[in-house]
Amino acid sequence: MAQEIIEVPITGKILSVNVKAGDQVAEGDVICVLESMKMENPILAPVGGTIGQVSVSANQVVSPGETITTIDY
């Protein structure tokens, strides 16, 4: 199976995580919401598939390049 790695695009704080390992997602589904500079930024699934291990949690401060999750498709 191919795997898509979802990474943090900008420094911020994770407000909510909308998926858990094993969930099925479609392209465009919201994976999590990232707050940066007082703006909420939804992190969307670039492909449809099955969520792998989720590496972030709500209220966690994150930096660019950190892995949020993987999607197997």
PDB file of N, CA and C in Angstrom:
ATOM      1  N   MET A   1       0.836  -1.196   0.000  1.00  0.00           N
ATOM      2  CA  MET A   1       0.000   0.000   0.000  1.00  0.00           C
ATOM      3  C   MET A   1       0.872   1.249   0.000  1.00  0.00           C
ATOM      4  N   ALA A   2       0.381   2.250  -0.683  1.00  0.00           N
ATOM      5  CA  ALA A   2       1.060   3.548  -0.657  1.00  0.00           C
ATOM      6  C   ALA A   2       0.703   4.270   0.636  1.00  0.00           C
ATOM      7  N   GLN A   3       1.562   5.206   1.031  1.00  0.00           N
ATOM      8  CA  GLN A   3       1.336   5.907   2.289  1.00  0.00           C
ATOM      9  C   GLN A   3       1.600   7.401   2.093  1.00  0.00           C
ATOM     10  N   GLU A   4       0.685   8.214   2.565  1.00  0.00           N
ATOM     11  CA  GLU A   4       0.823   9.672   2.527  1.00  0.00           C
ATOM     12  C   GLU A   4       1.105  10.147   3.946  1.00  0.00           C
ATOM     13  N   ILE A   5       2.177  10.913   4.138  1.00  0.00           N
ATOM     14  CA  ILE A   5       2.525  11.436   5.461  1.00  0.00           C
ATOM     15  C   ILE A   5       1.991  12.861   5.561  1.00  0.00           C
ATOM     16  N   ILE A   6       1.172  13.109   6.585  1.00  0.00           N
ATOM     17  CA  ILE A   6       0.610  14.438   6.808  1.00  0.00           C
ATOM     18  C   ILE A   6       1.485  15.135   7.848  1.00  0.00           C
ATOM     19  N   GLU A   7       2.073  16.286   7.473  1.00  0.00           N
ATOM     20  CA  GLU A   7       2.976  17.014   8.363  1.00  0.00           C
ATOM     21  C   GLU A   7       2.397  18.374   8.735  1.00  0.00           C
ATOM     22  N   VAL A   8       2.867  18.900   9.851  1.00  0.00           N
ATOM     23  CA  VAL A   8       2.470  20.226  10.319  1.00  0.00           C
ATOM     24  C   VAL A   8       3.042  21.272   9.359  1.00  0.00           C
ATOM     25  N   PRO A   9       2.196  22.156   8.789  1.00  0.00           N
ATOM     26  CA  PRO A   9       2.701  23.150   7.840  1.00  0.00           C
ATOM     27  C   PRO A   9       3.283  24.410   8.500  1.00  0.00           C
ATOM     28  N   ILE A  10       2.740  24.797   9.675  1.00  0.00           N
ATOM     29  CA  ILE A  10       3.169  26.027  10.349  1.00  0.00           C
ATOM     30  C   ILE A  10       3.166  25.808  11.857  1.00  0.00           C
ATOM     31  N   THR A  11       3.962  26.595  12.574  1.00  0.00           N
ATOM     32  CA  THR A  11       3.992  26.517  14.025  1.00  0.00           C
ATOM     33  C   THR A  11       2.630  26.917  14.588  1.00  0.00           C
ATOM     34  N   GLY A  12       2.179  26.174  15.581  1.00  0.00           N
ATOM     35  CA  GLY A  12       0.893  26.497  16.191  1.00  0.00           C
ATOM     36  C   GLY A  12       0.518  25.499  17.266  1.00  0.00           C
ATOM     37  N   LYS A  13      -0.765  25.497  17.601  1.00  0.00           N
ATOM     38  CA  LYS A  13      -1.300  24.615  18.636  1.00  0.00           C
ATOM     39  C   LYS A  13      -2.459  23.818  18.054  1.00  0.00           C
ATOM     40  N   ILE A  14      -2.466  22.520  18.295  1.00  0.00           N
ATOM     41  CA  ILE A  14      -3.554  21.666  17.817  1.00  0.00           C
ATOM     42  C   ILE A  14      -4.781  21.927  18.690  1.00  0.00           C
ATOM     43  N   LEU A  15      -5.879  22.373  18.087  1.00  0.00           N
ATOM     44  CA  LEU A  15      -7.103  22.627  18.837  1.00  0.00           C
ATOM     45  C   LEU A  15      -7.948  21.365  18.985  1.00  0.00           C
ATOM     46  N   SER A  16      -8.030  20.582  17.907  1.00  0.00           N
ATOM     47  CA  SER A  16      -8.816  19.349  17.960  1.00  0.00           C
ATOM     48  C   SER A  16      -8.274  18.348  16.960  1.00  0.00           C
ATOM     49  N   VAL A  17      -8.444  17.073  17.280  1.00  0.00           N
ATOM     50  CA  VAL A  17      -8.062  15.984  16.379  1.00  0.00           C
ATOM     51  C   VAL A  17      -9.353  15.250  16.036  1.00  0.00           C
ATOM     52  N   ASN A  18      -9.676  15.179  14.755  1.00  0.00           N
ATOM     53  CA  ASN A  18     -10.968  14.651  14.317  1.00  0.00           C
ATOM     54  C   ASN A  18     -10.925  13.189  13.887  1.00  0.00           C
ATOM     55  N   VAL A  19      -9.761  12.553  13.942  1.00  0.00           N
ATOM     56  CA  VAL A  19      -9.635  11.162  13.504  1.00  0.00           C
ATOM     57  C   VAL A  19      -8.857  10.357  14.542  1.00  0.00           C
ATOM     58  N   LYS A  20      -8.959   9.037  14.429  1.00  0.00           N
ATOM     59  CA  LYS A  20      -8.148   8.138  15.246  1.00  0.00           C
ATOM     60  C   LYS A  20      -7.637   7.026  14.338  1.00  0.00           C
ATOM     61  N   ALA A  21      -6.652   6.294  14.806  1.00  0.00           N
ATOM     62  CA  ALA A  21      -6.064   5.216  14.006  1.00  0.00           C
ATOM     63  C   ALA A  21      -7.144   4.248  13.550  1.00  0.00           C
ATOM     64  N   GLY A  22      -7.097   3.891  12.278  1.00  0.00           N
ATOM     65  CA  GLY A  22      -8.053   2.942  11.716  1.00  0.00           C
ATOM     66  C   GLY A  22      -9.260   3.574  11.049  1.00  0.00           C
ATOM     67  N   ASP A  23      -9.479   4.871  11.259  1.00  0.00           N
ATOM     68  CA  ASP A  23     -10.608   5.557  10.628  1.00  0.00           C
ATOM     69  C   ASP A  23     -10.414   5.627   9.114  1.00  0.00           C
ATOM     70  N   GLN A  24     -11.519   5.594   8.395  1.00  0.00           N
ATOM     71  CA  GLN A  24     -11.515   5.802   6.952  1.00  0.00           C
ATOM     72  C   GLN A  24     -11.774   7.281   6.692  1.00  0.00           C
ATOM     73  N   VAL A  25     -10.994   7.881   5.792  1.00  0.00           N
ATOM     74  CA  VAL A  25     -11.196   9.277   5.423  1.00  0.00           C
ATOM     75  C   VAL A  25     -11.279   9.398   3.913  1.00  0.00           C
ATOM     76  N   ALA A  26     -11.957  10.444   3.469  1.00  0.00           N
ATOM     77  CA  ALA A  26     -12.029  10.768   2.049  1.00  0.00           C
ATOM     78  C   ALA A  26     -11.164  12.007   1.812  1.00  0.00           C
ATOM     79  N   GLU A  27     -10.750  12.205   0.583  1.00  0.00           N
ATOM     80  CA  GLU A  27      -9.978  13.398   0.235  1.00  0.00           C
ATOM     81  C   GLU A  27     -10.761  14.638   0.659  1.00  0.00           C
ATOM     82  N   GLY A  28     -10.112  15.541   1.387  1.00  0.00           N
ATOM     83  CA  GLY A  28     -10.761  16.776   1.824  1.00  0.00           C
ATOM     84  C   GLY A  28     -11.338  16.720   3.228  1.00  0.00           C
ATOM     85  N   ASP A  29     -11.390  15.541   3.858  1.00  0.00           N
ATOM     86  CA  ASP A  29     -11.872  15.447   5.237  1.00  0.00           C
ATOM     87  C   ASP A  29     -10.905  16.171   6.174  1.00  0.00           C
ATOM     88  N   VAL A  30     -11.426  16.742   7.254  1.00  0.00           N
ATOM     89  CA  VAL A  30     -10.598  17.454   8.226  1.00  0.00           C
ATOM     90  C   VAL A  30      -9.930  16.442   9.155  1.00  0.00           C
ATOM     91  N   ILE A  31      -8.588  16.464   9.180  1.00  0.00           N
ATOM     92  CA  ILE A  31      -7.808  15.586  10.050  1.00  0.00           C
ATOM     93  C   ILE A  31      -7.723  16.201  11.449  1.00  0.00           C
ATOM     94  N   CYS A  32      -7.378  17.491  11.500  1.00  0.00           N
ATOM     95  CA  CYS A  32      -7.287  18.211  12.768  1.00  0.00           C
ATOM     96  C   CYS A  32      -7.400  19.699  12.489  1.00  0.00           C
ATOM     97  N   VAL A  33      -7.508  20.482  13.563  1.00  0.00           N
ATOM     98  CA  VAL A  33      -7.563  21.933  13.427  1.00  0.00           C
ATOM     99  C   VAL A  33      -6.353  22.503  14.161  1.00  0.00           C
ATOM    100  N   LEU A  34      -5.598  23.339  13.454  1.00  0.00           N
ATOM    101  CA  LEU A  34      -4.369  23.937  13.969  1.00  0.00           C
ATOM    102  C   LEU A  34      -4.579  25.436  14.131  1.00  0.00           C
ATOM    103  N   GLU A  35      -4.322  25.959  15.336  1.00  0.00           N
ATOM    104  CA  GLU A  35      -4.418  27.398  15.566  1.00  0.00           C
ATOM    105  C   GLU A  35      -3.029  28.012  15.436  1.00  0.00           C
ATOM    106  N   SER A  36      -2.947  29.045  14.608  1.00  0.00           N
ATOM    107  CA  SER A  36      -1.679  29.754  14.425  1.00  0.00           C
ATOM    108  C   SER A  36      -2.003  31.219  14.198  1.00  0.00           C
ATOM    109  N   MET A  37      -1.360  32.086  14.944  1.00  0.00           N
ATOM    110  CA  MET A  37      -1.587  33.534  14.841  1.00  0.00           C
ATOM    111  C   MET A  37      -3.075  33.869  14.973  1.00  0.00           C
ATOM    112  N   LYS A  38      -3.734  33.230  15.936  1.00  0.00           N
ATOM    113  CA  LYS A  38      -5.150  33.456  16.270  1.00  0.00           C
ATOM    114  C   LYS A  38      -6.112  33.078  15.138  1.00  0.00           C
ATOM    115  N   MET A  39      -5.626  32.272  14.188  1.00  0.00           N
ATOM    116  CA  MET A  39      -6.497  31.781  13.114  1.00  0.00           C
ATOM    117  C   MET A  39      -6.575  30.275  13.188  1.00  0.00           C
ATOM    118  N   GLU A  40      -7.766  29.729  12.941  1.00  0.00           N
ATOM    119  CA  GLU A  40      -7.942  28.280  12.914  1.00  0.00           C
ATOM    120  C   GLU A  40      -7.726  27.779  11.497  1.00  0.00           C
ATOM    121  N   ASN A  41      -6.818  26.803  11.351  1.00  0.00           N
ATOM    122  CA  ASN A  41      -6.472  26.253  10.048  1.00  0.00           C
ATOM    123  C   ASN A  41      -6.801  24.764  10.015  1.00  0.00           C
ATOM    124  N   PRO A  42      -7.806  24.366   9.252  1.00  0.00           N
ATOM    125  CA  PRO A  42      -8.088  22.929   9.158  1.00  0.00           C
ATOM    126  C   PRO A  42      -6.997  22.232   8.341  1.00  0.00           C
ATOM    127  N   ILE A  43      -6.539  21.095   8.836  1.00  0.00           N
ATOM    128  CA  ILE A  43      -5.587  20.268   8.100  1.00  0.00           C
ATOM    129  C   ILE A  43      -6.409  19.185   7.417  1.00  0.00           C
ATOM    130  N   LEU A  44      -6.392  19.178   6.082  1.00  0.00           N
ATOM    131  CA  LEU A  44      -7.256  18.294   5.301  1.00  0.00           C
ATOM    132  C   LEU A  44      -6.504  17.079   4.787  1.00  0.00           C
ATOM    133  N   ALA A  45      -7.252  15.991   4.595  1.00  0.00           N
ATOM    134  CA  ALA A  45      -6.683  14.771   4.019  1.00  0.00           C
ATOM    135  C   ALA A  45      -6.434  15.007   2.524  1.00  0.00           C
ATOM    136  N   PRO A  46      -5.195  14.837   2.055  1.00  0.00           N
ATOM    137  CA  PRO A  46      -4.911  15.035   0.633  1.00  0.00           C
ATOM    138  C   PRO A  46      -5.373  13.858  -0.234  1.00  0.00           C
ATOM    139  N   VAL A  47      -5.595  12.701   0.398  1.00  0.00           N
ATOM    140  CA  VAL A  47      -6.053  11.497  -0.299  1.00  0.00           C
ATOM    141  C   VAL A  47      -7.050  10.764   0.597  1.00  0.00           C
ATOM    142  N   GLY A  48      -7.835   9.885   0.006  1.00  0.00           N
ATOM    143  CA  GLY A  48      -8.724   9.026   0.782  1.00  0.00           C
ATOM    144  C   GLY A  48      -7.980   7.768   1.190  1.00  0.00           C
ATOM    145  N   GLY A  49      -8.335   7.209   2.329  1.00  0.00           N
ATOM    146  CA  GLY A  49      -7.676   5.989   2.784  1.00  0.00           C
ATOM    147  C   GLY A  49      -7.921   5.726   4.253  1.00  0.00           C
ATOM    148  N   THR A  50      -7.001   4.978   4.872  1.00  0.00           N
ATOM    149  CA  THR A  50      -7.109   4.582   6.271  1.00  0.00           C
ATOM    150  C   THR A  50      -6.053   5.315   7.094  1.00  0.00           C
ATOM    151  N   ILE A  51      -6.485   5.914   8.191  1.00  0.00           N
ATOM    152  CA  ILE A  51      -5.574   6.647   9.075  1.00  0.00           C
ATOM    153  C   ILE A  51      -4.656   5.668   9.807  1.00  0.00           C
ATOM    154  N   GLY A  52      -3.372   5.988   9.838  1.00  0.00           N
ATOM    155  CA  GLY A  52      -2.400   5.215  10.613  1.00  0.00           C
ATOM    156  C   GLY A  52      -2.300   5.800  12.014  1.00  0.00           C
ATOM    157  N   GLN A  53      -1.143   5.689  12.634  1.00  0.00           N
ATOM    158  CA  GLN A  53      -0.950   6.232  13.974  1.00  0.00           C
ATOM    159  C   GLN A  53      -1.071   7.756  13.957  1.00  0.00           C
ATOM    160  N   VAL A  54      -1.858   8.300  14.899  1.00  0.00           N
ATOM    161  CA  VAL A  54      -2.000   9.752  15.032  1.00  0.00           C
ATOM    162  C   VAL A  54      -0.962  10.217  16.054  1.00  0.00           C
ATOM    163  N   SER A  55      -0.105  11.142  15.647  1.00  0.00           N
ATOM    164  CA  SER A  55       1.038  11.551  16.470  1.00  0.00           C
ATOM    165  C   SER A  55       0.846  12.866  17.216  1.00  0.00           C
ATOM    166  N   VAL A  56      -0.348  13.466  17.135  1.00  0.00           N
ATOM    167  CA  VAL A  56      -0.611  14.725  17.839  1.00  0.00           C
ATOM    168  C   VAL A  56      -1.869  14.570  18.687  1.00  0.00           C
ATOM    169  N   SER A  57      -2.032  15.491  19.636  1.00  0.00           N
ATOM    170  CA  SER A  57      -3.232  15.501  20.476  1.00  0.00           C
ATOM    171  C   SER A  57      -3.664  16.941  20.699  1.00  0.00           C
ATOM    172  N   ALA A  58      -4.892  17.118  21.154  1.00  0.00           N
ATOM    173  CA  ALA A  58      -5.426  18.454  21.398  1.00  0.00           C
ATOM    174  C   ALA A  58      -4.555  19.188  22.408  1.00  0.00           C
ATOM    175  N   ASN A  59      -4.386  20.492  22.197  1.00  0.00           N
ATOM    176  CA  ASN A  59      -3.601  21.398  23.041  1.00  0.00           C
ATOM    177  C   ASN A  59      -2.094  21.211  22.925  1.00  0.00           C
ATOM    178  N   GLN A  60      -1.635  20.375  21.999  1.00  0.00           N
ATOM    179  CA  GLN A  60      -0.205  20.175  21.788  1.00  0.00           C
ATOM    180  C   GLN A  60       0.343  21.286  20.901  1.00  0.00           C
ATOM    181  N   VAL A  61       1.484  21.860  21.292  1.00  0.00           N
ATOM    182  CA  VAL A  61       2.174  22.861  20.465  1.00  0.00           C
ATOM    183  C   VAL A  61       3.063  22.103  19.484  1.00  0.00           C
ATOM    184  N   VAL A  62       2.958  22.467  18.197  1.00  0.00           N
ATOM    185  CA  VAL A  62       3.676  21.750  17.148  1.00  0.00           C
ATOM    186  C   VAL A  62       4.495  22.708  16.289  1.00  0.00           C
ATOM    187  N   SER A  63       5.492  22.150  15.614  1.00  0.00           N
ATOM    188  CA  SER A  63       6.379  22.910  14.728  1.00  0.00           C
ATOM    189  C   SER A  63       6.303  22.334  13.321  1.00  0.00           C
ATOM    190  N   PRO A  64       6.661  23.133  12.315  1.00  0.00           N
ATOM    191  CA  PRO A  64       6.634  22.648  10.930  1.00  0.00           C
ATOM    192  C   PRO A  64       7.485  21.393  10.750  1.00  0.00           C
ATOM    193  N   GLY A  65       6.948  20.461   9.990  1.00  0.00           N
ATOM    194  CA  GLY A  65       7.665  19.223   9.685  1.00  0.00           C
ATOM    195  C   GLY A  65       7.336  18.064  10.607  1.00  0.00           C
ATOM    196  N   GLU A  66       6.715  18.342  11.769  1.00  0.00           N
ATOM    197  CA  GLU A  66       6.313  17.243  12.645  1.00  0.00           C
ATOM    198  C   GLU A  66       5.191  16.451  11.974  1.00  0.00           C
ATOM    199  N   THR A  67       5.197  15.147  12.183  1.00  0.00           N
ATOM    200  CA  THR A  67       4.167  14.288  11.585  1.00  0.00           C
ATOM    201  C   THR A  67       2.876  14.364  12.388  1.00  0.00           C
ATOM    202  N   ILE A  68       1.772  14.583  11.680  1.00  0.00           N
ATOM    203  CA  ILE A  68       0.452  14.543  12.304  1.00  0.00           C
ATOM    204  C   ILE A  68      -0.063  13.111  12.272  1.00  0.00           C
ATOM    205  N   THR A  69      -0.079  12.522  11.089  1.00  0.00           N
ATOM    206  CA  THR A  69      -0.535  11.146  10.906  1.00  0.00           C
ATOM    207  C   THR A  69      -0.098  10.661   9.532  1.00  0.00           C
ATOM    208  N   THR A  70      -0.403   9.425   9.246  1.00  0.00           N
ATOM    209  CA  THR A  70      -0.203   8.865   7.893  1.00  0.00           C
ATOM    210  C   THR A  70      -1.531   8.351   7.382  1.00  0.00           C
ATOM    211  N   ILE A  71      -1.665   8.309   6.081  1.00  0.00           N
ATOM    212  CA  ILE A  71      -2.871   7.737   5.445  1.00  0.00           C
ATOM    213  C   ILE A  71      -2.383   6.640   4.495  1.00  0.00           C
ATOM    214  N   ASP A  72      -2.859   5.419   4.707  1.00  0.00           N
ATOM    215  CA  ASP A  72      -2.582   4.327   3.790  1.00  0.00           C
ATOM    216  C   ASP A  72      -3.675   4.276   2.743  1.00  0.00           C
ATOM    217  N   TYR A  73      -3.277   4.201   1.468  1.00  0.00           N
ATOM    218  CA  TYR A  73      -4.281   4.166   0.387  1.00  0.00           C
ATOM    219  C   TYR A  73      -3.874   3.217  -0.702  1.00  0.00           C
TER     220      TYR A  73
END
